[in-house]
Amino acid sequence: MNAEIAHLIATVKRQLKAQGRSYQDVARFLELSEASVKRLFSSERFTVDRLAKISELLGFTLAELLQTAAASVPELDTLTNAQETQLVSDEKLLMVAVLALNHWSVVDMVNWYHISAAEVVKRLRILDRMGVIELLPGDRIRRRARRDFDWLPNGPIKAYFAKQGVSDFLKGPFDDAEESLDFSHAMLTKTAQAELKMELRRLRRKLASLHEESVPASLRDKRGLGLLLAMRRWEPATFIRLRRNTPETK
């Protein structure tokens, strides 16, 4: 069953219920028997014309109903351990996942990287089975996972990034006008720490929002940027060596 059609039919059913309409109402509007309408809904084999007519009954255009159905699909906030493990097990799968979640098309991926269309589609199908994306007709991509989904604590993606990403990210000079490297230290209460953590999450959401605003622009007018947000209990090792061994300092 095509997942896109299933979402659309589920949306139609929700709208019928919300508007207090029945299969009998649909049958009268389509000039069919109620039994025929029930068979259509159970088989989910609607023609485009009939879907357009049902949309009209509900007060939508077919395009608006499709948009409503797409918006009703919940985005994944986190992946499972198995999903994260699968992503980091194949560097091309990980790359295609990152690009797909950043609104790249198959053509874009092939034009920019040493990967064939067949290799991209193969990995998109894997991501579709994983539930990370939905692969639509014409190899179009609909995201199922949020672009800034949360990594599992001590999970495979976090371990992969710690091993391969952090050192590579931090070795840059950060001297370009578009780059920045700042480090701050403070002593905070638990309440203040919780507030700061919320601010970091807001900054992640802001980054995601700016990314969405930039989607329509050409790839040649955009640059891939990394933003590393980290917070943990920390004291320089030299300070620790000088600390007095008293109950207050433990």
Foldseek 3Di string as FASTA:
>chain_A
DQVLLVLLLVLLVVLCVVVVHDLCNLCVQVVHDSVVSVVCSVVSDDDPVSCQSSCVVSVHGSVVSSVVSLVPQAAAQEADLVVLVVLVVDVVLVVLLLVVLLVDALVRDVVPDVDDSVRSVVSVVVCCVSQQWPQDPVRGIGGRHHSCHDYDVVGNVVVVCVVPPPVVVPVDPQPDPVGDDDDDDDDDDPVVVVVVVVVVVVVVVVVSVVSVVCSVPDPVVDDDDDDDDDDDDDDDPVVVVVDDDDPVRD
